[in-house]
Amino acid sequence: ITIAIIGLFGMVIYLAIQLKSKNK
């Protein structure tokens, strides 16, 4: 569960960075 949460958190951060890049 801890690994899954860390992975999910990492995915959210990655998607947020991609969205910010596309907006720029």
PDBML (XML) file of the C-alpha atoms, coordinates in Angstrom:
<?xml version="1.0" encoding="UTF-8" ?>
<PDBx:datablock datablockName="MODEL"
   xmlns:PDBx="http://pdbml.pdb.org/schema/pdbx-v50.xsd"
   xmlns:xsi="http://www.w3.org/2001/XMLSchema-instance"
   xsi:schemaLocation="http://pdbml.pdb.org/schema/pdbx-v50.xsd pdbx-v50.xsd">
   <PDBx:atom_siteCategory>
      <PDBx:atom_site id="1">
         <PDBx:B_iso_or_equiv>0.00</PDBx:B_iso_or_equiv>
         <PDBx:Cartn_x>0.000</PDBx:Cartn_x>
         <PDBx:Cartn_y>0.000</PDBx:Cartn_y>
         <PDBx:Cartn_z>0.000</PDBx:Cartn_z>
         <PDBx:auth_asym_id>A</PDBx:auth_asym_id>
         <PDBx:auth_atom_id>CA</PDBx:auth_atom_id>
         <PDBx:auth_comp_id>ILE</PDBx:auth_comp_id>
         <PDBx:auth_seq_id>1</PDBx:auth_seq_id>
         <PDBx:group_PDB>ATOM</PDBx:group_PDB>
         <PDBx:label_alt_id xsi:nil="true" />
         <PDBx:label_asym_id>A</PDBx:label_asym_id>
         <PDBx:label_atom_id>CA</PDBx:label_atom_id>
         <PDBx:label_comp_id>ILE</PDBx:label_comp_id>
         <PDBx:label_entity_id>1</PDBx:label_entity_id>
         <PDBx:label_seq_id>1</PDBx:label_seq_id>
         <PDBx:occupancy>1.00</PDBx:occupancy>
         <PDBx:pdbx_PDB_model_num>1</PDBx:pdbx_PDB_model_num>
         <PDBx:type_symbol>C</PDBx:type_symbol>
      </PDBx:atom_site>
      <PDBx:atom_site id="2">
         <PDBx:B_iso_or_equiv>0.00</PDBx:B_iso_or_equiv>
         <PDBx:Cartn_x>2.872</PDBx:Cartn_x>
         <PDBx:Cartn_y>2.396</PDBx:Cartn_y>
         <PDBx:Cartn_z>0.828</PDBx:Cartn_z>
         <PDBx:auth_asym_id>A</PDBx:auth_asym_id>
         <PDBx:auth_atom_id>CA</PDBx:auth_atom_id>
         <PDBx:auth_comp_id>THR</PDBx:auth_comp_id>
         <PDBx:auth_seq_id>2</PDBx:auth_seq_id>
         <PDBx:group_PDB>ATOM</PDBx:group_PDB>
         <PDBx:label_alt_id xsi:nil="true" />
         <PDBx:label_asym_id>A</PDBx:label_asym_id>
         <PDBx:label_atom_id>CA</PDBx:label_atom_id>
         <PDBx:label_comp_id>THR</PDBx:label_comp_id>
         <PDBx:label_entity_id>1</PDBx:label_entity_id>
         <PDBx:label_seq_id>2</PDBx:label_seq_id>
         <PDBx:occupancy>1.00</PDBx:occupancy>
         <PDBx:pdbx_PDB_model_num>1</PDBx:pdbx_PDB_model_num>
         <PDBx:type_symbol>C</PDBx:type_symbol>
      </PDBx:atom_site>
      <PDBx:atom_site id="3">
         <PDBx:B_iso_or_equiv>0.00</PDBx:B_iso_or_equiv>
         <PDBx:Cartn_x>4.564</PDBx:Cartn_x>
         <PDBx:Cartn_y>1.691</PDBx:Cartn_y>
         <PDBx:Cartn_z>-2.511</PDBx:Cartn_z>
         <PDBx:auth_asym_id>A</PDBx:auth_asym_id>
         <PDBx:auth_atom_id>CA</PDBx:auth_atom_id>
         <PDBx:auth_comp_id>ILE</PDBx:auth_comp_id>
         <PDBx:auth_seq_id>3</PDBx:auth_seq_id>
         <PDBx:group_PDB>ATOM</PDBx:group_PDB>
         <PDBx:label_alt_id xsi:nil="true" />
         <PDBx:label_asym_id>A</PDBx:label_asym_id>
         <PDBx:label_atom_id>CA</PDBx:label_atom_id>
         <PDBx:label_comp_id>ILE</PDBx:label_comp_id>
         <PDBx:label_entity_id>1</PDBx:label_entity_id>
         <PDBx:label_seq_id>3</PDBx:label_seq_id>
         <PDBx:occupancy>1.00</PDBx:occupancy>
         <PDBx:pdbx_PDB_model_num>1</PDBx:pdbx_PDB_model_num>
         <PDBx:type_symbol>C</PDBx:type_symbol>
      </PDBx:atom_site>
      <PDBx:atom_site id="4">
         <PDBx:B_iso_or_equiv>0.00</PDBx:B_iso_or_equiv>
         <PDBx:Cartn_x>1.233</PDBx:Cartn_x>
         <PDBx:Cartn_y>2.134</PDBx:Cartn_y>
         <PDBx:Cartn_z>-4.338</PDBx:Cartn_z>
         <PDBx:auth_asym_id>A</PDBx:auth_asym_id>
         <PDBx:auth_atom_id>CA</PDBx:auth_atom_id>
         <PDBx:auth_comp_id>ALA</PDBx:auth_comp_id>
         <PDBx:auth_seq_id>4</PDBx:auth_seq_id>
         <PDBx:group_PDB>ATOM</PDBx:group_PDB>
         <PDBx:label_alt_id xsi:nil="true" />
         <PDBx:label_asym_id>A</PDBx:label_asym_id>
         <PDBx:label_atom_id>CA</PDBx:label_atom_id>
         <PDBx:label_comp_id>ALA</PDBx:label_comp_id>
         <PDBx:label_entity_id>1</PDBx:label_entity_id>
         <PDBx:label_seq_id>4</PDBx:label_seq_id>
         <PDBx:occupancy>1.00</PDBx:occupancy>
         <PDBx:pdbx_PDB_model_num>1</PDBx:pdbx_PDB_model_num>
         <PDBx:type_symbol>C</PDBx:type_symbol>
      </PDBx:atom_site>
      <PDBx:atom_site id="5">
         <PDBx:B_iso_or_equiv>0.00</PDBx:B_iso_or_equiv>
         <PDBx:Cartn_x>0.626</PDBx:Cartn_x>
         <PDBx:Cartn_y>5.495</PDBx:Cartn_y>
         <PDBx:Cartn_z>-2.620</PDBx:Cartn_z>
         <PDBx:auth_asym_id>A</PDBx:auth_asym_id>
         <PDBx:auth_atom_id>CA</PDBx:auth_atom_id>
         <PDBx:auth_comp_id>ILE</PDBx:auth_comp_id>
         <PDBx:auth_seq_id>5</PDBx:auth_seq_id>
         <PDBx:group_PDB>ATOM</PDBx:group_PDB>
         <PDBx:label_alt_id xsi:nil="true" />
         <PDBx:label_asym_id>A</PDBx:label_asym_id>
         <PDBx:label_atom_id>CA</PDBx:label_atom_id>
         <PDBx:label_comp_id>ILE</PDBx:label_comp_id>
         <PDBx:label_entity_id>1</PDBx:label_entity_id>
         <PDBx:label_seq_id>5</PDBx:label_seq_id>
         <PDBx:occupancy>1.00</PDBx:occupancy>
         <PDBx:pdbx_PDB_model_num>1</PDBx:pdbx_PDB_model_num>
         <PDBx:type_symbol>C</PDBx:type_symbol>
      </PDBx:atom_site>
      <PDBx:atom_site id="6">
         <PDBx:B_iso_or_equiv>0.00</PDBx:B_iso_or_equiv>
         <PDBx:Cartn_x>4.163</PDBx:Cartn_x>
         <PDBx:Cartn_y>6.695</PDBx:Cartn_y>
         <PDBx:Cartn_z>-3.414</PDBx:Cartn_z>
         <PDBx:auth_asym_id>A</PDBx:auth_asym_id>
         <PDBx:auth_atom_id>CA</PDBx:auth_atom_id>
         <PDBx:auth_comp_id>ILE</PDBx:auth_comp_id>
         <PDBx:auth_seq_id>6</PDBx:auth_seq_id>
         <PDBx:group_PDB>ATOM</PDBx:group_PDB>
         <PDBx:label_alt_id xsi:nil="true" />
         <PDBx:label_asym_id>A</PDBx:label_asym_id>
         <PDBx:label_atom_id>CA</PDBx:label_atom_id>
         <PDBx:label_comp_id>ILE</PDBx:label_comp_id>
         <PDBx:label_entity_id>1</PDBx:label_entity_id>
         <PDBx:label_seq_id>6</PDBx:label_seq_id>
         <PDBx:occupancy>1.00</PDBx:occupancy>
         <PDBx:pdbx_PDB_model_num>1</PDBx:pdbx_PDB_model_num>
         <PDBx:type_symbol>C</PDBx:type_symbol>
      </PDBx:atom_site>
      <PDBx:atom_site id="7">
         <PDBx:B_iso_or_equiv>0.00</PDBx:B_iso_or_equiv>
         <PDBx:Cartn_x>3.709</PDBx:Cartn_x>
         <PDBx:Cartn_y>5.557</PDBx:Cartn_y>
         <PDBx:Cartn_z>-7.051</PDBx:Cartn_z>
         <PDBx:auth_asym_id>A</PDBx:auth_asym_id>
         <PDBx:auth_atom_id>CA</PDBx:auth_atom_id>
         <PDBx:auth_comp_id>GLY</PDBx:auth_comp_id>
         <PDBx:auth_seq_id>7</PDBx:auth_seq_id>
         <PDBx:group_PDB>ATOM</PDBx:group_PDB>
         <PDBx:label_alt_id xsi:nil="true" />
         <PDBx:label_asym_id>A</PDBx:label_asym_id>
         <PDBx:label_atom_id>CA</PDBx:label_atom_id>
         <PDBx:label_comp_id>GLY</PDBx:label_comp_id>
         <PDBx:label_entity_id>1</PDBx:label_entity_id>
         <PDBx:label_seq_id>7</PDBx:label_seq_id>
         <PDBx:occupancy>1.00</PDBx:occupancy>
         <PDBx:pdbx_PDB_model_num>1</PDBx:pdbx_PDB_model_num>
         <PDBx:type_symbol>C</PDBx:type_symbol>
      </PDBx:atom_site>
      <PDBx:atom_site id="8">
         <PDBx:B_iso_or_equiv>0.00</PDBx:B_iso_or_equiv>
         <PDBx:Cartn_x>0.336</PDBx:Cartn_x>
         <PDBx:Cartn_y>7.314</PDBx:Cartn_y>
         <PDBx:Cartn_z>-7.302</PDBx:Cartn_z>
         <PDBx:auth_asym_id>A</PDBx:auth_asym_id>
         <PDBx:auth_atom_id>CA</PDBx:auth_atom_id>
         <PDBx:auth_comp_id>LEU</PDBx:auth_comp_id>
         <PDBx:auth_seq_id>8</PDBx:auth_seq_id>
         <PDBx:group_PDB>ATOM</PDBx:group_PDB>
         <PDBx:label_alt_id xsi:nil="true" />
         <PDBx:label_asym_id>A</PDBx:label_asym_id>
         <PDBx:label_atom_id>CA</PDBx:label_atom_id>
         <PDBx:label_comp_id>LEU</PDBx:label_comp_id>
         <PDBx:label_entity_id>1</PDBx:label_entity_id>
         <PDBx:label_seq_id>8</PDBx:label_seq_id>
         <PDBx:occupancy>1.00</PDBx:occupancy>
         <PDBx:pdbx_PDB_model_num>1</PDBx:pdbx_PDB_model_num>
         <PDBx:type_symbol>C</PDBx:type_symbol>
      </PDBx:atom_site>
      <PDBx:atom_site id="9">
         <PDBx:B_iso_or_equiv>0.00</PDBx:B_iso_or_equiv>
         <PDBx:Cartn_x>1.796</PDBx:Cartn_x>
         <PDBx:Cartn_y>10.483</PDBx:Cartn_y>
         <PDBx:Cartn_z>-5.771</PDBx:Cartn_z>
         <PDBx:auth_asym_id>A</PDBx:auth_asym_id>
         <PDBx:auth_atom_id>CA</PDBx:auth_atom_id>
         <PDBx:auth_comp_id>PHE</PDBx:auth_comp_id>
         <PDBx:auth_seq_id>9</PDBx:auth_seq_id>
         <PDBx:group_PDB>ATOM</PDBx:group_PDB>
         <PDBx:label_alt_id xsi:nil="true" />
         <PDBx:label_asym_id>A</PDBx:label_asym_id>
         <PDBx:label_atom_id>CA</PDBx:label_atom_id>
         <PDBx:label_comp_id>PHE</PDBx:label_comp_id>
         <PDBx:label_entity_id>1</PDBx:label_entity_id>
         <PDBx:label_seq_id>9</PDBx:label_seq_id>
         <PDBx:occupancy>1.00</PDBx:occupancy>
         <PDBx:pdbx_PDB_model_num>1</PDBx:pdbx_PDB_model_num>
         <PDBx:type_symbol>C</PDBx:type_symbol>
      </PDBx:atom_site>
      <PDBx:atom_site id="10">
         <PDBx:B_iso_or_equiv>0.00</PDBx:B_iso_or_equiv>
         <PDBx:Cartn_x>4.691</PDBx:Cartn_x>
         <PDBx:Cartn_y>10.319</PDBx:Cartn_y>
         <PDBx:Cartn_z>-8.268</PDBx:Cartn_z>
         <PDBx:auth_asym_id>A</PDBx:auth_asym_id>
         <PDBx:auth_atom_id>CA</PDBx:auth_atom_id>
         <PDBx:auth_comp_id>GLY</PDBx:auth_comp_id>
         <PDBx:auth_seq_id>10</PDBx:auth_seq_id>
         <PDBx:group_PDB>ATOM</PDBx:group_PDB>
         <PDBx:label_alt_id xsi:nil="true" />
         <PDBx:label_asym_id>A</PDBx:label_asym_id>
         <PDBx:label_atom_id>CA</PDBx:label_atom_id>
         <PDBx:label_comp_id>GLY</PDBx:label_comp_id>
         <PDBx:label_entity_id>1</PDBx:label_entity_id>
         <PDBx:label_seq_id>10</PDBx:label_seq_id>
         <PDBx:occupancy>1.00</PDBx:occupancy>
         <PDBx:pdbx_PDB_model_num>1</PDBx:pdbx_PDB_model_num>
         <PDBx:type_symbol>C</PDBx:type_symbol>
      </PDBx:atom_site>
      <PDBx:atom_site id="11">
         <PDBx:B_iso_or_equiv>0.00</PDBx:B_iso_or_equiv>
         <PDBx:Cartn_x>2.209</PDBx:Cartn_x>
         <PDBx:Cartn_y>9.939</PDBx:Cartn_y>
         <PDBx:Cartn_z>-11.150</PDBx:Cartn_z>
         <PDBx:auth_asym_id>A</PDBx:auth_asym_id>
         <PDBx:auth_atom_id>CA</PDBx:auth_atom_id>
         <PDBx:auth_comp_id>MET</PDBx:auth_comp_id>
         <PDBx:auth_seq_id>11</PDBx:auth_seq_id>
         <PDBx:group_PDB>ATOM</PDBx:group_PDB>
         <PDBx:label_alt_id xsi:nil="true" />
         <PDBx:label_asym_id>A</PDBx:label_asym_id>
         <PDBx:label_atom_id>CA</PDBx:label_atom_id>
         <PDBx:label_comp_id>MET</PDBx:label_comp_id>
         <PDBx:label_entity_id>1</PDBx:label_entity_id>
         <PDBx:label_seq_id>11</PDBx:label_seq_id>
         <PDBx:occupancy>1.00</PDBx:occupancy>
         <PDBx:pdbx_PDB_model_num>1</PDBx:pdbx_PDB_model_num>
         <PDBx:type_symbol>C</PDBx:type_symbol>
      </PDBx:atom_site>
      <PDBx:atom_site id="12">
         <PDBx:B_iso_or_equiv>0.00</PDBx:B_iso_or_equiv>
         <PDBx:Cartn_x>0.218</PDBx:Cartn_x>
         <PDBx:Cartn_y>12.983</PDBx:Cartn_y>
         <PDBx:Cartn_z>-9.961</PDBx:Cartn_z>
         <PDBx:auth_asym_id>A</PDBx:auth_asym_id>
         <PDBx:auth_atom_id>CA</PDBx:auth_atom_id>
         <PDBx:auth_comp_id>VAL</PDBx:auth_comp_id>
         <PDBx:auth_seq_id>12</PDBx:auth_seq_id>
         <PDBx:group_PDB>ATOM</PDBx:group_PDB>
         <PDBx:label_alt_id xsi:nil="true" />
         <PDBx:label_asym_id>A</PDBx:label_asym_id>
         <PDBx:label_atom_id>CA</PDBx:label_atom_id>
         <PDBx:label_comp_id>VAL</PDBx:label_comp_id>
         <PDBx:label_entity_id>1</PDBx:label_entity_id>
         <PDBx:label_seq_id>12</PDBx:label_seq_id>
         <PDBx:occupancy>1.00</PDBx:occupancy>
         <PDBx:pdbx_PDB_model_num>1</PDBx:pdbx_PDB_model_num>
         <PDBx:type_symbol>C</PDBx:type_symbol>
      </PDBx:atom_site>
      <PDBx:atom_site id="13">
         <PDBx:B_iso_or_equiv>0.00</PDBx:B_iso_or_equiv>
         <PDBx:Cartn_x>3.416</PDBx:Cartn_x>
         <PDBx:Cartn_y>15.063</PDBx:Cartn_y>
         <PDBx:Cartn_z>-9.784</PDBx:Cartn_z>
         <PDBx:auth_asym_id>A</PDBx:auth_asym_id>
         <PDBx:auth_atom_id>CA</PDBx:auth_atom_id>
         <PDBx:auth_comp_id>ILE</PDBx:auth_comp_id>
         <PDBx:auth_seq_id>13</PDBx:auth_seq_id>
         <PDBx:group_PDB>ATOM</PDBx:group_PDB>
         <PDBx:label_alt_id xsi:nil="true" />
         <PDBx:label_asym_id>A</PDBx:label_asym_id>
         <PDBx:label_atom_id>CA</PDBx:label_atom_id>
         <PDBx:label_comp_id>ILE</PDBx:label_comp_id>
         <PDBx:label_entity_id>1</PDBx:label_entity_id>
         <PDBx:label_seq_id>13</PDBx:label_seq_id>
         <PDBx:occupancy>1.00</PDBx:occupancy>
         <PDBx:pdbx_PDB_model_num>1</PDBx:pdbx_PDB_model_num>
         <PDBx:type_symbol>C</PDBx:type_symbol>
      </PDBx:atom_site>
      <PDBx:atom_site id="14">
         <PDBx:B_iso_or_equiv>0.00</PDBx:B_iso_or_equiv>
         <PDBx:Cartn_x>4.450</PDBx:Cartn_x>
         <PDBx:Cartn_y>13.877</PDBx:Cartn_y>
         <PDBx:Cartn_z>-13.275</PDBx:Cartn_z>
         <PDBx:auth_asym_id>A</PDBx:auth_asym_id>
         <PDBx:auth_atom_id>CA</PDBx:auth_atom_id>
         <PDBx:auth_comp_id>TYR</PDBx:auth_comp_id>
         <PDBx:auth_seq_id>14</PDBx:auth_seq_id>
         <PDBx:group_PDB>ATOM</PDBx:group_PDB>
         <PDBx:label_alt_id xsi:nil="true" />
         <PDBx:label_asym_id>A</PDBx:label_asym_id>
         <PDBx:label_atom_id>CA</PDBx:label_atom_id>
         <PDBx:label_comp_id>TYR</PDBx:label_comp_id>
         <PDBx:label_entity_id>1</PDBx:label_entity_id>
         <PDBx:label_seq_id>14</PDBx:label_seq_id>
         <PDBx:occupancy>1.00</PDBx:occupancy>
         <PDBx:pdbx_PDB_model_num>1</PDBx:pdbx_PDB_model_num>
         <PDBx:type_symbol>C</PDBx:type_symbol>
      </PDBx:atom_site>
      <PDBx:atom_site id="15">
         <PDBx:B_iso_or_equiv>0.00</PDBx:B_iso_or_equiv>
         <PDBx:Cartn_x>1.034</PDBx:Cartn_x>
         <PDBx:Cartn_y>14.755</PDBx:Cartn_y>
         <PDBx:Cartn_z>-14.769</PDBx:Cartn_z>
         <PDBx:auth_asym_id>A</PDBx:auth_asym_id>
         <PDBx:auth_atom_id>CA</PDBx:auth_atom_id>
         <PDBx:auth_comp_id>LEU</PDBx:auth_comp_id>
         <PDBx:auth_seq_id>15</PDBx:auth_seq_id>
         <PDBx:group_PDB>ATOM</PDBx:group_PDB>
         <PDBx:label_alt_id xsi:nil="true" />
         <PDBx:label_asym_id>A</PDBx:label_asym_id>
         <PDBx:label_atom_id>CA</PDBx:label_atom_id>
         <PDBx:label_comp_id>LEU</PDBx:label_comp_id>
         <PDBx:label_entity_id>1</PDBx:label_entity_id>
         <PDBx:label_seq_id>15</PDBx:label_seq_id>
         <PDBx:occupancy>1.00</PDBx:occupancy>
         <PDBx:pdbx_PDB_model_num>1</PDBx:pdbx_PDB_model_num>
         <PDBx:type_symbol>C</PDBx:type_symbol>
      </PDBx:atom_site>
      <PDBx:atom_site id="16">
         <PDBx:B_iso_or_equiv>0.00</PDBx:B_iso_or_equiv>
         <PDBx:Cartn_x>1.065</PDBx:Cartn_x>
         <PDBx:Cartn_y>18.173</PDBx:Cartn_y>
         <PDBx:Cartn_z>-13.071</PDBx:Cartn_z>
         <PDBx:auth_asym_id>A</PDBx:auth_asym_id>
         <PDBx:auth_atom_id>CA</PDBx:auth_atom_id>
         <PDBx:auth_comp_id>ALA</PDBx:auth_comp_id>
         <PDBx:auth_seq_id>16</PDBx:auth_seq_id>
         <PDBx:group_PDB>ATOM</PDBx:group_PDB>
         <PDBx:label_alt_id xsi:nil="true" />
         <PDBx:label_asym_id>A</PDBx:label_asym_id>
         <PDBx:label_atom_id>CA</PDBx:label_atom_id>
         <PDBx:label_comp_id>ALA</PDBx:label_comp_id>
         <PDBx:label_entity_id>1</PDBx:label_entity_id>
         <PDBx:label_seq_id>16</PDBx:label_seq_id>
         <PDBx:occupancy>1.00</PDBx:occupancy>
         <PDBx:pdbx_PDB_model_num>1</PDBx:pdbx_PDB_model_num>
         <PDBx:type_symbol>C</PDBx:type_symbol>
      </PDBx:atom_site>
      <PDBx:atom_site id="17">
         <PDBx:B_iso_or_equiv>0.00</PDBx:B_iso_or_equiv>
         <PDBx:Cartn_x>4.507</PDBx:Cartn_x>
         <PDBx:Cartn_y>18.925</PDBx:Cartn_y>
         <PDBx:Cartn_z>-14.555</PDBx:Cartn_z>
         <PDBx:auth_asym_id>A</PDBx:auth_asym_id>
         <PDBx:auth_atom_id>CA</PDBx:auth_atom_id>
         <PDBx:auth_comp_id>ILE</PDBx:auth_comp_id>
         <PDBx:auth_seq_id>17</PDBx:auth_seq_id>
         <PDBx:group_PDB>ATOM</PDBx:group_PDB>
         <PDBx:label_alt_id xsi:nil="true" />
         <PDBx:label_asym_id>A</PDBx:label_asym_id>
         <PDBx:label_atom_id>CA</PDBx:label_atom_id>
         <PDBx:label_comp_id>ILE</PDBx:label_comp_id>
         <PDBx:label_entity_id>1</PDBx:label_entity_id>
         <PDBx:label_seq_id>17</PDBx:label_seq_id>
         <PDBx:occupancy>1.00</PDBx:occupancy>
         <PDBx:pdbx_PDB_model_num>1</PDBx:pdbx_PDB_model_num>
         <PDBx:type_symbol>C</PDBx:type_symbol>
      </PDBx:atom_site>
      <PDBx:atom_site id="18">
         <PDBx:B_iso_or_equiv>0.00</PDBx:B_iso_or_equiv>
         <PDBx:Cartn_x>3.315</PDBx:Cartn_x>
         <PDBx:Cartn_y>17.817</PDBx:Cartn_y>
         <PDBx:Cartn_z>-18.019</PDBx:Cartn_z>
         <PDBx:auth_asym_id>A</PDBx:auth_asym_id>
         <PDBx:auth_atom_id>CA</PDBx:auth_atom_id>
         <PDBx:auth_comp_id>GLN</PDBx:auth_comp_id>
         <PDBx:auth_seq_id>18</PDBx:auth_seq_id>
         <PDBx:group_PDB>ATOM</PDBx:group_PDB>
         <PDBx:label_alt_id xsi:nil="true" />
         <PDBx:label_asym_id>A</PDBx:label_asym_id>
         <PDBx:label_atom_id>CA</PDBx:label_atom_id>
         <PDBx:label_comp_id>GLN</PDBx:label_comp_id>
         <PDBx:label_entity_id>1</PDBx:label_entity_id>
         <PDBx:label_seq_id>18</PDBx:label_seq_id>
         <PDBx:occupancy>1.00</PDBx:occupancy>
         <PDBx:pdbx_PDB_model_num>1</PDBx:pdbx_PDB_model_num>
         <PDBx:type_symbol>C</PDBx:type_symbol>
      </PDBx:atom_site>
      <PDBx:atom_site id="19">
         <PDBx:B_iso_or_equiv>0.00</PDBx:B_iso_or_equiv>
         <PDBx:Cartn_x>0.188</PDBx:Cartn_x>
         <PDBx:Cartn_y>20.014</PDBx:Cartn_y>
         <PDBx:Cartn_z>-17.746</PDBx:Cartn_z>
         <PDBx:auth_asym_id>A</PDBx:auth_asym_id>
         <PDBx:auth_atom_id>CA</PDBx:auth_atom_id>
         <PDBx:auth_comp_id>LEU</PDBx:auth_comp_id>
         <PDBx:auth_seq_id>19</PDBx:auth_seq_id>
         <PDBx:group_PDB>ATOM</PDBx:group_PDB>
         <PDBx:label_alt_id xsi:nil="true" />
         <PDBx:label_asym_id>A</PDBx:label_asym_id>
         <PDBx:label_atom_id>CA</PDBx:label_atom_id>
         <PDBx:label_comp_id>LEU</PDBx:label_comp_id>
         <PDBx:label_entity_id>1</PDBx:label_entity_id>
         <PDBx:label_seq_id>19</PDBx:label_seq_id>
         <PDBx:occupancy>1.00</PDBx:occupancy>
         <PDBx:pdbx_PDB_model_num>1</PDBx:pdbx_PDB_model_num>
         <PDBx:type_symbol>C</PDBx:type_symbol>
      </PDBx:atom_site>
      <PDBx:atom_site id="20">
         <PDBx:B_iso_or_equiv>0.00</PDBx:B_iso_or_equiv>
         <PDBx:Cartn_x>2.263</PDBx:Cartn_x>
         <PDBx:Cartn_y>23.013</PDBx:Cartn_y>
         <PDBx:Cartn_z>-16.682</PDBx:Cartn_z>
         <PDBx:auth_asym_id>A</PDBx:auth_asym_id>
         <PDBx:auth_atom_id>CA</PDBx:auth_atom_id>
         <PDBx:auth_comp_id>LYS</PDBx:auth_comp_id>
         <PDBx:auth_seq_id>20</PDBx:auth_seq_id>
         <PDBx:group_PDB>ATOM</PDBx:group_PDB>
         <PDBx:label_alt_id xsi:nil="true" />
         <PDBx:label_asym_id>A</PDBx:label_asym_id>
         <PDBx:label_atom_id>CA</PDBx:label_atom_id>
         <PDBx:label_comp_id>LYS</PDBx:label_comp_id>
         <PDBx:label_entity_id>1</PDBx:label_entity_id>
         <PDBx:label_seq_id>20</PDBx:label_seq_id>
         <PDBx:occupancy>1.00</PDBx:occupancy>
         <PDBx:pdbx_PDB_model_num>1</PDBx:pdbx_PDB_model_num>
         <PDBx:type_symbol>C</PDBx:type_symbol>
      </PDBx:atom_site>
      <PDBx:atom_site id="21">
         <PDBx:B_iso_or_equiv>0.00</PDBx:B_iso_or_equiv>
         <PDBx:Cartn_x>4.619</PDBx:Cartn_x>
         <PDBx:Cartn_y>22.449</PDBx:Cartn_y>
         <PDBx:Cartn_z>-19.633</PDBx:Cartn_z>
         <PDBx:auth_asym_id>A</PDBx:auth_asym_id>
         <PDBx:auth_atom_id>CA</PDBx:auth_atom_id>
         <PDBx:auth_comp_id>SER</PDBx:auth_comp_id>
         <PDBx:auth_seq_id>21</PDBx:auth_seq_id>
         <PDBx:group_PDB>ATOM</PDBx:group_PDB>
         <PDBx:label_alt_id xsi:nil="true" />
         <PDBx:label_asym_id>A</PDBx:label_asym_id>
         <PDBx:label_atom_id>CA</PDBx:label_atom_id>
         <PDBx:label_comp_id>SER</PDBx:label_comp_id>
         <PDBx:label_entity_id>1</PDBx:label_entity_id>
         <PDBx:label_seq_id>21</PDBx:label_seq_id>
         <PDBx:occupancy>1.00</PDBx:occupancy>
         <PDBx:pdbx_PDB_model_num>1</PDBx:pdbx_PDB_model_num>
         <PDBx:type_symbol>C</PDBx:type_symbol>
      </PDBx:atom_site>
      <PDBx:atom_site id="22">
         <PDBx:B_iso_or_equiv>0.00</PDBx:B_iso_or_equiv>
         <PDBx:Cartn_x>1.723</PDBx:Cartn_x>
         <PDBx:Cartn_y>22.203</PDBx:Cartn_y>
         <PDBx:Cartn_z>-22.115</PDBx:Cartn_z>
         <PDBx:auth_asym_id>A</PDBx:auth_asym_id>
         <PDBx:auth_atom_id>CA</PDBx:auth_atom_id>
         <PDBx:auth_comp_id>LYS</PDBx:auth_comp_id>
         <PDBx:auth_seq_id>22</PDBx:auth_seq_id>
         <PDBx:group_PDB>ATOM</PDBx:group_PDB>
         <PDBx:label_alt_id xsi:nil="true" />
         <PDBx:label_asym_id>A</PDBx:label_asym_id>
         <PDBx:label_atom_id>CA</PDBx:label_atom_id>
         <PDBx:label_comp_id>LYS</PDBx:label_comp_id>
         <PDBx:label_entity_id>1</PDBx:label_entity_id>
         <PDBx:label_seq_id>22</PDBx:label_seq_id>
         <PDBx:occupancy>1.00</PDBx:occupancy>
         <PDBx:pdbx_PDB_model_num>1</PDBx:pdbx_PDB_model_num>
         <PDBx:type_symbol>C</PDBx:type_symbol>
      </PDBx:atom_site>
      <PDBx:atom_site id="23">
         <PDBx:B_iso_or_equiv>0.00</PDBx:B_iso_or_equiv>
         <PDBx:Cartn_x>0.154</PDBx:Cartn_x>
         <PDBx:Cartn_y>25.387</PDBx:Cartn_y>
         <PDBx:Cartn_z>-20.717</PDBx:Cartn_z>
         <PDBx:auth_asym_id>A</PDBx:auth_asym_id>
         <PDBx:auth_atom_id>CA</PDBx:auth_atom_id>
         <PDBx:auth_comp_id>ASN</PDBx:auth_comp_id>
         <PDBx:auth_seq_id>23</PDBx:auth_seq_id>
         <PDBx:group_PDB>ATOM</PDBx:group_PDB>
         <PDBx:label_alt_id xsi:nil="true" />
         <PDBx:label_asym_id>A</PDBx:label_asym_id>
         <PDBx:label_atom_id>CA</PDBx:label_atom_id>
         <PDBx:label_comp_id>ASN</PDBx:label_comp_id>
         <PDBx:label_entity_id>1</PDBx:label_entity_id>
         <PDBx:label_seq_id>23</PDBx:label_seq_id>
         <PDBx:occupancy>1.00</PDBx:occupancy>
         <PDBx:pdbx_PDB_model_num>1</PDBx:pdbx_PDB_model_num>
         <PDBx:type_symbol>C</PDBx:type_symbol>
      </PDBx:atom_site>
      <PDBx:atom_site id="24">
         <PDBx:B_iso_or_equiv>0.00</PDBx:B_iso_or_equiv>
         <PDBx:Cartn_x>3.471</PDBx:Cartn_x>
         <PDBx:Cartn_y>27.231</PDBx:Cartn_y>
         <PDBx:Cartn_z>-21.182</PDBx:Cartn_z>
         <PDBx:auth_asym_id>A</PDBx:auth_asym_id>
         <PDBx:auth_atom_id>CA</PDBx:auth_atom_id>
         <PDBx:auth_comp_id>LYS</PDBx:auth_comp_id>
         <PDBx:auth_seq_id>24</PDBx:auth_seq_id>
         <PDBx:group_PDB>ATOM</PDBx:group_PDB>
         <PDBx:label_alt_id xsi:nil="true" />
         <PDBx:label_asym_id>A</PDBx:label_asym_id>
         <PDBx:label_atom_id>CA</PDBx:label_atom_id>
         <PDBx:label_comp_id>LYS</PDBx:label_comp_id>
         <PDBx:label_entity_id>1</PDBx:label_entity_id>
         <PDBx:label_seq_id>24</PDBx:label_seq_id>
         <PDBx:occupancy>1.00</PDBx:occupancy>
         <PDBx:pdbx_PDB_model_num>1</PDBx:pdbx_PDB_model_num>
         <PDBx:type_symbol>C</PDBx:type_symbol>
      </PDBx:atom_site>
   </PDBx:atom_siteCategory>
</PDBx:datablock>
